[in-house]
Amino acid sequence: MIEGLGNRISQLRKNHHLSQGELAGALGVTSALISSWERGERIPVVPKLLKLCDIFNVSTDYLLGRKSSNHISLEGLSPNDAKAVATIIKSLREKNIKN
């Protein structure tokens, strides 16, 4: 098994405010399969793993535990757009700290 994969899937799902059923629907699998992934009993096949990365906007390295942070790439954005994204992220963090 891949250490921590189930916990990362579960946390990302919760962070995206998705139920196991909603995530299952998006992936074309059963909620029981999502549950078994989250408990670490089974591992997603590669196509489903890639789809999870697309849904959660994370890299496979992050999902598989090869990188410890969920880095957002600003590559390809203009300096003004990158600054706008950074401002939004800062605002959301401040909002979450208050809650």
PDB file of N, CA and C in Angstrom:
ATOM      1  N   MET A   1       0.826  -1.193   0.000  1.00  0.00           N
ATOM      2  CA  MET A   1       0.000   0.000   0.000  1.00  0.00           C
ATOM      3  C   MET A   1       0.869   1.257   0.000  1.00  0.00           C
ATOM      4  N   ILE A   2       0.293   2.342  -0.407  1.00  0.00           N
ATOM      5  CA  ILE A   2       1.011   3.619  -0.461  1.00  0.00           C
ATOM      6  C   ILE A   2       0.671   4.404   0.808  1.00  0.00           C
ATOM      7  N   GLU A   3       1.694   4.625   1.616  1.00  0.00           N
ATOM      8  CA  GLU A   3       1.528   5.285   2.903  1.00  0.00           C
ATOM      9  C   GLU A   3       0.841   6.645   2.772  1.00  0.00           C
ATOM     10  N   GLY A   4      -0.282   6.814   3.464  1.00  0.00           N
ATOM     11  CA  GLY A   4      -0.961   8.100   3.522  1.00  0.00           C
ATOM     12  C   GLY A   4      -1.864   8.434   2.346  1.00  0.00           C
ATOM     13  N   LEU A   5      -1.897   7.588   1.318  1.00  0.00           N
ATOM     14  CA  LEU A   5      -2.720   7.892   0.144  1.00  0.00           C
ATOM     15  C   LEU A   5      -4.187   8.050   0.520  1.00  0.00           C
ATOM     16  N   GLY A   6      -4.698   7.131   1.293  1.00  0.00           N
ATOM     17  CA  GLY A   6      -6.107   7.198   1.695  1.00  0.00           C
ATOM     18  C   GLY A   6      -6.432   8.461   2.466  1.00  0.00           C
ATOM     19  N   ASN A   7      -5.531   8.845   3.367  1.00  0.00           N
ATOM     20  CA  ASN A   7      -5.745  10.077   4.138  1.00  0.00           C
ATOM     21  C   ASN A   7      -5.738  11.300   3.244  1.00  0.00           C
ATOM     22  N   ARG A   8      -4.824  11.313   2.250  1.00  0.00           N
ATOM     23  CA  ARG A   8      -4.784  12.461   1.341  1.00  0.00           C
ATOM     24  C   ARG A   8      -6.062  12.529   0.500  1.00  0.00           C
ATOM     25  N   ILE A   9      -6.529  11.395   0.009  1.00  0.00           N
ATOM     26  CA  ILE A   9      -7.776  11.385  -0.771  1.00  0.00           C
ATOM     27  C   ILE A   9      -8.923  11.899   0.088  1.00  0.00           C
ATOM     28  N   SER A  10      -9.022  11.387   1.302  1.00  0.00           N
ATOM     29  CA  SER A  10     -10.098  11.798   2.202  1.00  0.00           C
ATOM     30  C   SER A  10     -10.038  13.289   2.499  1.00  0.00           C
ATOM     31  N   GLN A  11      -8.845  13.788   2.814  1.00  0.00           N
ATOM     32  CA  GLN A  11      -8.702  15.210   3.149  1.00  0.00           C
ATOM     33  C   GLN A  11      -9.015  16.093   1.950  1.00  0.00           C
ATOM     34  N   LEU A  12      -8.516  15.720   0.783  1.00  0.00           N
ATOM     35  CA  LEU A  12      -8.807  16.509  -0.416  1.00  0.00           C
ATOM     36  C   LEU A  12     -10.305  16.506  -0.716  1.00  0.00           C
ATOM     37  N   ARG A  13     -10.941  15.355  -0.566  1.00  0.00           N
ATOM     38  CA  ARG A  13     -12.381  15.264  -0.808  1.00  0.00           C
ATOM     39  C   ARG A  13     -13.134  16.191   0.133  1.00  0.00           C
ATOM     40  N   LYS A  14     -12.771  16.171   1.399  1.00  0.00           N
ATOM     41  CA  LYS A  14     -13.436  17.031   2.385  1.00  0.00           C
ATOM     42  C   LYS A  14     -13.142  18.500   2.115  1.00  0.00           C
ATOM     43  N   ASN A  15     -11.897  18.807   1.746  1.00  0.00           N
ATOM     44  CA  ASN A  15     -11.540  20.191   1.430  1.00  0.00           C
ATOM     45  C   ASN A  15     -12.336  20.730   0.246  1.00  0.00           C
ATOM     46  N   HIS A  16     -12.734  19.830  -0.656  1.00  0.00           N
ATOM     47  CA  HIS A  16     -13.521  20.224  -1.825  1.00  0.00           C
ATOM     48  C   HIS A  16     -15.022  20.073  -1.571  1.00  0.00           C
ATOM     49  N   HIS A  17     -15.367  19.805  -0.320  1.00  0.00           N
ATOM     50  CA  HIS A  17     -16.767  19.697   0.102  1.00  0.00           C
ATOM     51  C   HIS A  17     -17.534  18.663  -0.724  1.00  0.00           C
ATOM     52  N   LEU A  18     -16.909  17.517  -0.932  1.00  0.00           N
ATOM     53  CA  LEU A  18     -17.532  16.431  -1.682  1.00  0.00           C
ATOM     54  C   LEU A  18     -17.816  15.261  -0.752  1.00  0.00           C
ATOM     55  N   SER A  19     -18.972  14.644  -0.929  1.00  0.00           N
ATOM     56  CA  SER A  19     -19.246  13.398  -0.224  1.00  0.00           C
ATOM     57  C   SER A  19     -18.553  12.269  -0.979  1.00  0.00           C
ATOM     58  N   GLN A  20     -18.451  11.116  -0.348  1.00  0.00           N
ATOM     59  CA  GLN A  20     -17.883   9.969  -1.051  1.00  0.00           C
ATOM     60  C   GLN A  20     -18.724   9.637  -2.282  1.00  0.00           C
ATOM     61  N   GLY A  21     -20.020   9.784  -2.164  1.00  0.00           N
ATOM     62  CA  GLY A  21     -20.906   9.512  -3.292  1.00  0.00           C
ATOM     63  C   GLY A  21     -20.697  10.475  -4.448  1.00  0.00           C
ATOM     64  N   GLU A  22     -20.506  11.748  -4.124  1.00  0.00           N
ATOM     65  CA  GLU A  22     -20.271  12.753  -5.175  1.00  0.00           C
ATOM     66  C   GLU A  22     -18.948  12.492  -5.892  1.00  0.00           C
ATOM     67  N   LEU A  23     -17.907  12.167  -5.118  1.00  0.00           N
ATOM     68  CA  LEU A  23     -16.619  11.864  -5.735  1.00  0.00           C
ATOM     69  C   LEU A  23     -16.720  10.594  -6.576  1.00  0.00           C
ATOM     70  N   ALA A  24     -17.430   9.615  -6.057  1.00  0.00           N
ATOM     71  CA  ALA A  24     -17.622   8.372  -6.801  1.00  0.00           C
ATOM     72  C   ALA A  24     -18.309   8.637  -8.139  1.00  0.00           C
ATOM     73  N   GLY A  25     -19.330   9.490  -8.129  1.00  0.00           N
ATOM     74  CA  GLY A  25     -20.038   9.833  -9.360  1.00  0.00           C
ATOM     75  C   GLY A  25     -19.126  10.504 -10.370  1.00  0.00           C
ATOM     76  N   ALA A  26     -18.273  11.388  -9.897  1.00  0.00           N
ATOM     77  CA  ALA A  26     -17.352  12.093 -10.788  1.00  0.00           C
ATOM     78  C   ALA A  26     -16.320  11.152 -11.402  1.00  0.00           C
ATOM     79  N   LEU A  27     -16.022  10.073 -10.677  1.00  0.00           N
ATOM     80  CA  LEU A  27     -15.013   9.120 -11.140  1.00  0.00           C
ATOM     81  C   LEU A  27     -15.610   7.900 -11.850  1.00  0.00           C
ATOM     82  N   GLY A  28     -16.922   7.740 -11.747  1.00  0.00           N
ATOM     83  CA  GLY A  28     -17.555   6.571 -12.344  1.00  0.00           C
ATOM     84  C   GLY A  28     -17.279   5.288 -11.586  1.00  0.00           C
ATOM     85  N   VAL A  29     -17.184   5.407 -10.254  1.00  0.00           N
ATOM     86  CA  VAL A  29     -16.973   4.239  -9.398  1.00  0.00           C
ATOM     87  C   VAL A  29     -18.023   4.263  -8.299  1.00  0.00           C
ATOM     88  N   THR A  30     -17.985   3.291  -7.410  1.00  0.00           N
ATOM     89  CA  THR A  30     -18.944   3.250  -6.310  1.00  0.00           C
ATOM     90  C   THR A  30     -18.399   3.992  -5.097  1.00  0.00           C
ATOM     91  N   SER A  31     -19.297   4.420  -4.235  1.00  0.00           N
ATOM     92  CA  SER A  31     -18.859   5.067  -3.002  1.00  0.00           C
ATOM     93  C   SER A  31     -18.136   4.072  -2.100  1.00  0.00           C
ATOM     94  N   ALA A  32     -18.483   2.789  -2.215  1.00  0.00           N
ATOM     95  CA  ALA A  32     -17.773   1.759  -1.439  1.00  0.00           C
ATOM     96  C   ALA A  32     -16.305   1.694  -1.847  1.00  0.00           C
ATOM     97  N   LEU A  33     -16.029   1.888  -3.141  1.00  0.00           N
ATOM     98  CA  LEU A  33     -14.641   1.883  -3.598  1.00  0.00           C
ATOM     99  C   LEU A  33     -13.900   3.101  -3.054  1.00  0.00           C
ATOM    100  N   ILE A  34     -14.548   4.267  -3.059  1.00  0.00           N
ATOM    101  CA  ILE A  34     -13.931   5.473  -2.487  1.00  0.00           C
ATOM    102  C   ILE A  34     -13.600   5.213  -1.020  1.00  0.00           C
ATOM    103  N   SER A  35     -14.525   4.623  -0.301  1.00  0.00           N
ATOM    104  CA  SER A  35     -14.313   4.313   1.109  1.00  0.00           C
ATOM    105  C   SER A  35     -13.120   3.379   1.294  1.00  0.00           C
ATOM    106  N   SER A  36     -12.995   2.368   0.449  1.00  0.00           N
ATOM    107  CA  SER A  36     -11.872   1.432   0.577  1.00  0.00           C
ATOM    108  C   SER A  36     -10.541   2.103   0.252  1.00  0.00           C
ATOM    109  N   TRP A  37     -10.551   3.072  -0.673  1.00  0.00           N
ATOM    110  CA  TRP A  37      -9.333   3.852  -0.949  1.00  0.00           C
ATOM    111  C   TRP A  37      -8.952   4.654   0.289  1.00  0.00           C
ATOM    112  N   GLU A  38      -9.942   5.324   0.861  1.00  0.00           N
ATOM    113  CA  GLU A  38      -9.680   6.190   2.009  1.00  0.00           C
ATOM    114  C   GLU A  38      -9.225   5.412   3.233  1.00  0.00           C
ATOM    115  N   ARG A  39      -9.678   4.179   3.384  1.00  0.00           N
ATOM    116  CA  ARG A  39      -9.248   3.332   4.496  1.00  0.00           C
ATOM    117  C   ARG A  39      -7.915   2.645   4.210  1.00  0.00           C
ATOM    118  N   GLY A  40      -7.401   2.812   2.998  1.00  0.00           N
ATOM    119  CA  GLY A  40      -6.120   2.210   2.641  1.00  0.00           C
ATOM    120  C   GLY A  40      -6.203   0.738   2.316  1.00  0.00           C
ATOM    121  N   GLU A  41      -7.398   0.252   2.049  1.00  0.00           N
ATOM    122  CA  GLU A  41      -7.581  -1.164   1.728  1.00  0.00           C
ATOM    123  C   GLU A  41      -7.325  -1.458   0.247  1.00  0.00           C
ATOM    124  N   ARG A  42      -7.537  -0.463  -0.579  1.00  0.00           N
ATOM    125  CA  ARG A  42      -7.323  -0.604  -2.016  1.00  0.00           C
ATOM    126  C   ARG A  42      -6.625   0.646  -2.531  1.00  0.00           C
ATOM    127  N   ILE A  43      -6.028   0.516  -3.717  1.00  0.00           N
ATOM    128  CA  ILE A  43      -5.324   1.621  -4.356  1.00  0.00           C
ATOM    129  C   ILE A  43      -6.009   1.912  -5.691  1.00  0.00           C
ATOM    130  N   PRO A  44      -6.236   3.189  -6.006  1.00  0.00           N
ATOM    131  CA  PRO A  44      -6.854   3.514  -7.301  1.00  0.00           C
ATOM    132  C   PRO A  44      -5.969   3.062  -8.465  1.00  0.00           C
ATOM    133  N   VAL A  45      -6.597   2.564  -9.522  1.00  0.00           N
ATOM    134  CA  VAL A  45      -5.853   2.246 -10.740  1.00  0.00           C
ATOM    135  C   VAL A  45      -5.393   3.560 -11.362  1.00  0.00           C
ATOM    136  N   VAL A  46      -4.392   3.499 -12.197  1.00  0.00           N
ATOM    137  CA  VAL A  46      -3.765   4.710 -12.738  1.00  0.00           C
ATOM    138  C   VAL A  46      -4.766   5.678 -13.377  1.00  0.00           C
ATOM    139  N   PRO A  47      -5.686   5.233 -14.246  1.00  0.00           N
ATOM    140  CA  PRO A  47      -6.621   6.215 -14.832  1.00  0.00           C
ATOM    141  C   PRO A  47      -7.460   6.946 -13.775  1.00  0.00           C
ATOM    142  N   LYS A  48      -7.861   6.246 -12.716  1.00  0.00           N
ATOM    143  CA  LYS A  48      -8.651   6.884 -11.646  1.00  0.00           C
ATOM    144  C   LYS A  48      -7.760   7.801 -10.804  1.00  0.00           C
ATOM    145  N   LEU A  49      -6.514   7.401 -10.605  1.00  0.00           N
ATOM    146  CA  LEU A  49      -5.563   8.232  -9.884  1.00  0.00           C
ATOM    147  C   LEU A  49      -5.353   9.560 -10.611  1.00  0.00           C
ATOM    148  N   LEU A  50      -5.202   9.488 -11.921  1.00  0.00           N
ATOM    149  CA  LEU A  50      -5.033  10.705 -12.723  1.00  0.00           C
ATOM    150  C   LEU A  50      -6.284  11.574 -12.677  1.00  0.00           C
ATOM    151  N   LYS A  51      -7.443  10.943 -12.703  1.00  0.00           N
ATOM    152  CA  LYS A  51      -8.700  11.691 -12.625  1.00  0.00           C
ATOM    153  C   LYS A  51      -8.831  12.372 -11.260  1.00  0.00           C
ATOM    154  N   LEU A  52      -8.399  11.681 -10.183  1.00  0.00           N
ATOM    155  CA  LEU A  52      -8.399  12.308  -8.858  1.00  0.00           C
ATOM    156  C   LEU A  52      -7.536  13.563  -8.864  1.00  0.00           C
ATOM    157  N   CYS A  53      -6.369  13.472  -9.488  1.00  0.00           N
ATOM    158  CA  CYS A  53      -5.470  14.627  -9.572  1.00  0.00           C
ATOM    159  C   CYS A  53      -6.137  15.775 -10.322  1.00  0.00           C
ATOM    160  N   ASP A  54      -6.851  15.453 -11.391  1.00  0.00           N
ATOM    161  CA  ASP A  54      -7.566  16.490 -12.144  1.00  0.00           C
ATOM    162  C   ASP A  54      -8.668  17.128 -11.301  1.00  0.00           C
ATOM    163  N   ILE A  55      -9.430  16.310 -10.611  1.00  0.00           N
ATOM    164  CA  ILE A  55     -10.543  16.814  -9.795  1.00  0.00           C
ATOM    165  C   ILE A  55     -10.031  17.730  -8.685  1.00  0.00           C
ATOM    166  N   PHE A  56      -8.960  17.300  -8.023  1.00  0.00           N
ATOM    167  CA  PHE A  56      -8.444  18.048  -6.875  1.00  0.00           C
ATOM    168  C   PHE A  56      -7.364  19.059  -7.254  1.00  0.00           C
ATOM    169  N   ASN A  57      -6.992  19.084  -8.538  1.00  0.00           N
ATOM    170  CA  ASN A  57      -5.956  19.991  -9.031  1.00  0.00           C
ATOM    171  C   ASN A  57      -4.654  19.841  -8.237  1.00  0.00           C
ATOM    172  N   VAL A  58      -4.219  18.598  -8.111  1.00  0.00           N
ATOM    173  CA  VAL A  58      -2.952  18.292  -7.442  1.00  0.00           C
ATOM    174  C   VAL A  58      -2.109  17.430  -8.372  1.00  0.00           C
ATOM    175  N   SER A  59      -0.837  17.326  -8.069  1.00  0.00           N
ATOM    176  CA  SER A  59       0.047  16.477  -8.859  1.00  0.00           C
ATOM    177  C   SER A  59      -0.025  15.042  -8.350  1.00  0.00           C
ATOM    178  N   THR A  60       0.387  14.121  -9.190  1.00  0.00           N
ATOM    179  CA  THR A  60       0.466  12.724  -8.748  1.00  0.00           C
ATOM    180  C   THR A  60       1.507  12.603  -7.639  1.00  0.00           C
ATOM    181  N   ASP A  61       2.573  13.375  -7.721  1.00  0.00           N
ATOM    182  CA  ASP A  61       3.589  13.341  -6.662  1.00  0.00           C
ATOM    183  C   ASP A  61       2.975  13.702  -5.309  1.00  0.00           C
ATOM    184  N   TYR A  62       2.123  14.703  -5.279  1.00  0.00           N
ATOM    185  CA  TYR A  62       1.473  15.075  -4.023  1.00  0.00           C
ATOM    186  C   TYR A  62       0.540  13.960  -3.560  1.00  0.00           C
ATOM    187  N   LEU A  63      -0.310  13.483  -4.451  1.00  0.00           N
ATOM    188  CA  LEU A  63      -1.295  12.474  -4.068  1.00  0.00           C
ATOM    189  C   LEU A  63      -0.617  11.197  -3.570  1.00  0.00           C
ATOM    190  N   LEU A  64       0.498  10.831  -4.196  1.00  0.00           N
ATOM    191  CA  LEU A  64       1.204   9.608  -3.816  1.00  0.00           C
ATOM    192  C   LEU A  64       2.184   9.811  -2.661  1.00  0.00           C
ATOM    193  N   GLY A  65       2.279  11.040  -2.151  1.00  0.00           N
ATOM    194  CA  GLY A  65       3.117  11.299  -0.997  1.00  0.00           C
ATOM    195  C   GLY A  65       4.577  11.553  -1.315  1.00  0.00           C
ATOM    196  N   ARG A  66       4.886  11.761  -2.582  1.00  0.00           N
ATOM    197  CA  ARG A  66       6.278  12.041  -2.959  1.00  0.00           C
ATOM    198  C   ARG A  66       6.655  13.488  -2.683  1.00  0.00           C
ATOM    199  N   LYS A  67       5.668  14.357  -2.611  1.00  0.00           N
ATOM    200  CA  LYS A  67       5.865  15.762  -2.234  1.00  0.00           C
ATOM    201  C   LYS A  67       4.908  16.052  -1.092  1.00  0.00           C
ATOM    202  N   SER A  68       5.370  16.813  -0.127  1.00  0.00           N
ATOM    203  CA  SER A  68       4.547  17.035   1.062  1.00  0.00           C
ATOM    204  C   SER A  68       3.621  18.236   0.959  1.00  0.00           C
ATOM    205  N   SER A  69       3.793  19.043  -0.063  1.00  0.00           N
ATOM    206  CA  SER A  69       2.927  20.217  -0.174  1.00  0.00           C
ATOM    207  C   SER A  69       2.125  20.157  -1.464  1.00  0.00           C
ATOM    208  N   ASN A  70       0.977  20.777  -1.409  1.00  0.00           N
ATOM    209  CA  ASN A  70       0.092  20.865  -2.554  1.00  0.00           C
ATOM    210  C   ASN A  70       0.377  22.201  -3.231  1.00  0.00           C
ATOM    211  N   HIS A  71       1.410  22.234  -4.043  1.00  0.00           N
ATOM    212  CA  HIS A  71       1.897  23.461  -4.671  1.00  0.00           C
ATOM    213  C   HIS A  71       1.020  23.849  -5.859  1.00  0.00           C
ATOM    214  N   ILE A  72       0.676  25.106  -5.922  1.00  0.00           N
ATOM    215  CA  ILE A  72      -0.079  25.640  -7.050  1.00  0.00           C
ATOM    216  C   ILE A  72       0.906  26.349  -7.971  1.00  0.00           C
ATOM    217  N   SER A  73       0.989  25.907  -9.196  1.00  0.00           N
ATOM    218  CA  SER A  73       1.906  26.515 -10.151  1.00  0.00           C
ATOM    219  C   SER A  73       1.268  27.757 -10.775  1.00  0.00           C
ATOM    220  N   LEU A  74       2.025  28.824 -10.804  1.00  0.00           N
ATOM    221  CA  LEU A  74       1.581  30.058 -11.447  1.00  0.00           C
ATOM    222  C   LEU A  74       2.248  30.227 -12.799  1.00  0.00           C
ATOM    223  N   GLU A  75       2.885  29.162 -13.245  1.00  0.00           N
ATOM    224  CA  GLU A  75       3.581  29.185 -14.529  1.00  0.00           C
ATOM    225  C   GLU A  75       2.616  29.553 -15.650  1.00  0.00           C
ATOM    226  N   GLY A  76       3.061  30.429 -16.527  1.00  0.00           N
ATOM    227  CA  GLY A  76       2.249  30.822 -17.669  1.00  0.00           C
ATOM    228  C   GLY A  76       1.345  32.014 -17.409  1.00  0.00           C
ATOM    229  N   LEU A  77       1.299  32.468 -16.144  1.00  0.00           N
ATOM    230  CA  LEU A  77       0.476  33.629 -15.825  1.00  0.00           C
ATOM    231  C   LEU A  77       1.313  34.895 -15.945  1.00  0.00           C
ATOM    232  N   SER A  78       0.658  35.962 -16.299  1.00  0.00           N
ATOM    233  CA  SER A  78       1.345  37.254 -16.323  1.00  0.00           C
ATOM    234  C   SER A  78       1.651  37.659 -14.881  1.00  0.00           C
ATOM    235  N   PRO A  79       2.588  38.574 -14.687  1.00  0.00           N
ATOM    236  CA  PRO A  79       2.875  39.036 -13.321  1.00  0.00           C
ATOM    237  C   PRO A  79       1.641  39.585 -12.606  1.00  0.00           C
ATOM    238  N   ASN A  80       0.798  40.304 -13.333  1.00  0.00           N
ATOM    239  CA  ASN A  80      -0.425  40.843 -12.714  1.00  0.00           C
ATOM    240  C   ASN A  80      -1.388  39.736 -12.319  1.00  0.00           C
ATOM    241  N   ASP A  81      -1.531  38.722 -13.183  1.00  0.00           N
ATOM    242  CA  ASP A  81      -2.413  37.599 -12.863  1.00  0.00           C
ATOM    243  C   ASP A  81      -1.874  36.801 -11.686  1.00  0.00           C
ATOM    244  N   ALA A  82      -0.566  36.578 -11.646  1.00  0.00           N
ATOM    245  CA  ALA A  82       0.044  35.848 -10.535  1.00  0.00           C
ATOM    246  C   ALA A  82      -0.174  36.605  -9.225  1.00  0.00           C
ATOM    247  N   LYS A  83      -0.052  37.919  -9.271  1.00  0.00           N
ATOM    248  CA  LYS A  83      -0.283  38.736  -8.082  1.00  0.00           C
ATOM    249  C   LYS A  83      -1.739  38.635  -7.638  1.00  0.00           C
ATOM    250  N   ALA A  84      -2.670  38.620  -8.584  1.00  0.00           N
ATOM    251  CA  ALA A  84      -4.096  38.499  -8.266  1.00  0.00           C
ATOM    252  C   ALA A  84      -4.384  37.161  -7.590  1.00  0.00           C
ATOM    253  N   VAL A  85      -3.790  36.087  -8.105  1.00  0.00           N
ATOM    254  CA  VAL A  85      -3.981  34.759  -7.505  1.00  0.00           C
ATOM    255  C   VAL A  85      -3.434  34.752  -6.086  1.00  0.00           C
ATOM    256  N   ALA A  86      -2.249  35.319  -5.885  1.00  0.00           N
ATOM    257  CA  ALA A  86      -1.649  35.370  -4.552  1.00  0.00           C
ATOM    258  C   ALA A  86      -2.538  36.150  -3.582  1.00  0.00           C
ATOM    259  N   THR A  87      -3.145  37.221  -4.053  1.00  0.00           N
ATOM    260  CA  THR A  87      -4.040  38.024  -3.218  1.00  0.00           C
ATOM    261  C   THR A  87      -5.274  37.223  -2.825  1.00  0.00           C
ATOM    262  N   ILE A  88      -5.828  36.488  -3.766  1.00  0.00           N
ATOM    263  CA  ILE A  88      -7.002  35.651  -3.478  1.00  0.00           C
ATOM    264  C   ILE A  88      -6.651  34.588  -2.450  1.00  0.00           C
ATOM    265  N   ILE A  89      -5.520  33.925  -2.619  1.00  0.00           N
ATOM    266  CA  ILE A  89      -5.102  32.883  -1.678  1.00  0.00           C
ATOM    267  C   ILE A  89      -4.927  33.468  -0.284  1.00  0.00           C
ATOM    268  N   LYS A  90      -4.277  34.614  -0.193  1.00  0.00           N
ATOM    269  CA  LYS A  90      -4.076  35.267   1.101  1.00  0.00           C
ATOM    270  C   LYS A  90      -5.420  35.590   1.755  1.00  0.00           C
ATOM    271  N   SER A  91      -6.344  36.103   0.980  1.00  0.00           N
ATOM    272  CA  SER A  91      -7.667  36.449   1.495  1.00  0.00           C
ATOM    273  C   SER A  91      -8.405  35.211   2.010  1.00  0.00           C
ATOM    274  N   LEU A  92      -8.328  34.121   1.271  1.00  0.00           N
ATOM    275  CA  LEU A  92      -8.997  32.884   1.695  1.00  0.00           C
ATOM    276  C   LEU A  92      -8.373  32.323   2.971  1.00  0.00           C
ATOM    277  N   ARG A  93      -7.053  32.379   3.074  1.00  0.00           N
ATOM    278  CA  ARG A  93      -6.391  31.911   4.294  1.00  0.00           C
ATOM    279  C   ARG A  93      -6.836  32.733   5.492  1.00  0.00           C
ATOM    280  N   GLU A  94      -6.890  34.047   5.332  1.00  0.00           N
ATOM    281  CA  GLU A  94      -7.320  34.924   6.421  1.00  0.00           C
ATOM    282  C   GLU A  94      -8.757  34.617   6.814  1.00  0.00           C
ATOM    283  N   LYS A  95      -9.612  34.381   5.840  1.00  0.00           N
ATOM    284  CA  LYS A  95     -11.008  34.049   6.107  1.00  0.00           C
ATOM    285  C   LYS A  95     -11.109  32.758   6.897  1.00  0.00           C
ATOM    286  N   ASN A  96     -10.307  31.743   6.513  1.00  0.00           N
ATOM    287  CA  ASN A  96     -10.352  30.447   7.192  1.00  0.00           C
ATOM    288  C   ASN A  96      -9.789  30.514   8.601  1.00  0.00           C
ATOM    289  N   ILE A  97      -8.835  31.387   8.841  1.00  0.00           N
ATOM    290  CA  ILE A  97      -8.285  31.554  10.177  1.00  0.00           C
ATOM    291  C   ILE A  97      -9.361  32.113  11.113  1.00  0.00           C
ATOM    292  N   LYS A  98     -10.194  33.010  10.598  1.00  0.00           N
ATOM    293  CA  LYS A  98     -11.242  33.638  11.400  1.00  0.00           C
ATOM    294  C   LYS A  98     -12.364  32.657  11.729  1.00  0.00           C
ATOM    295  N   ASN A  99     -12.573  31.661  10.853  1.00  0.00           N
ATOM    296  CA  ASN A  99     -13.672  30.701  11.067  1.00  0.00           C
ATOM    297  C   ASN A  99     -13.313  29.641  12.015  1.00  0.00           C
TER     298      ASN A  99
END
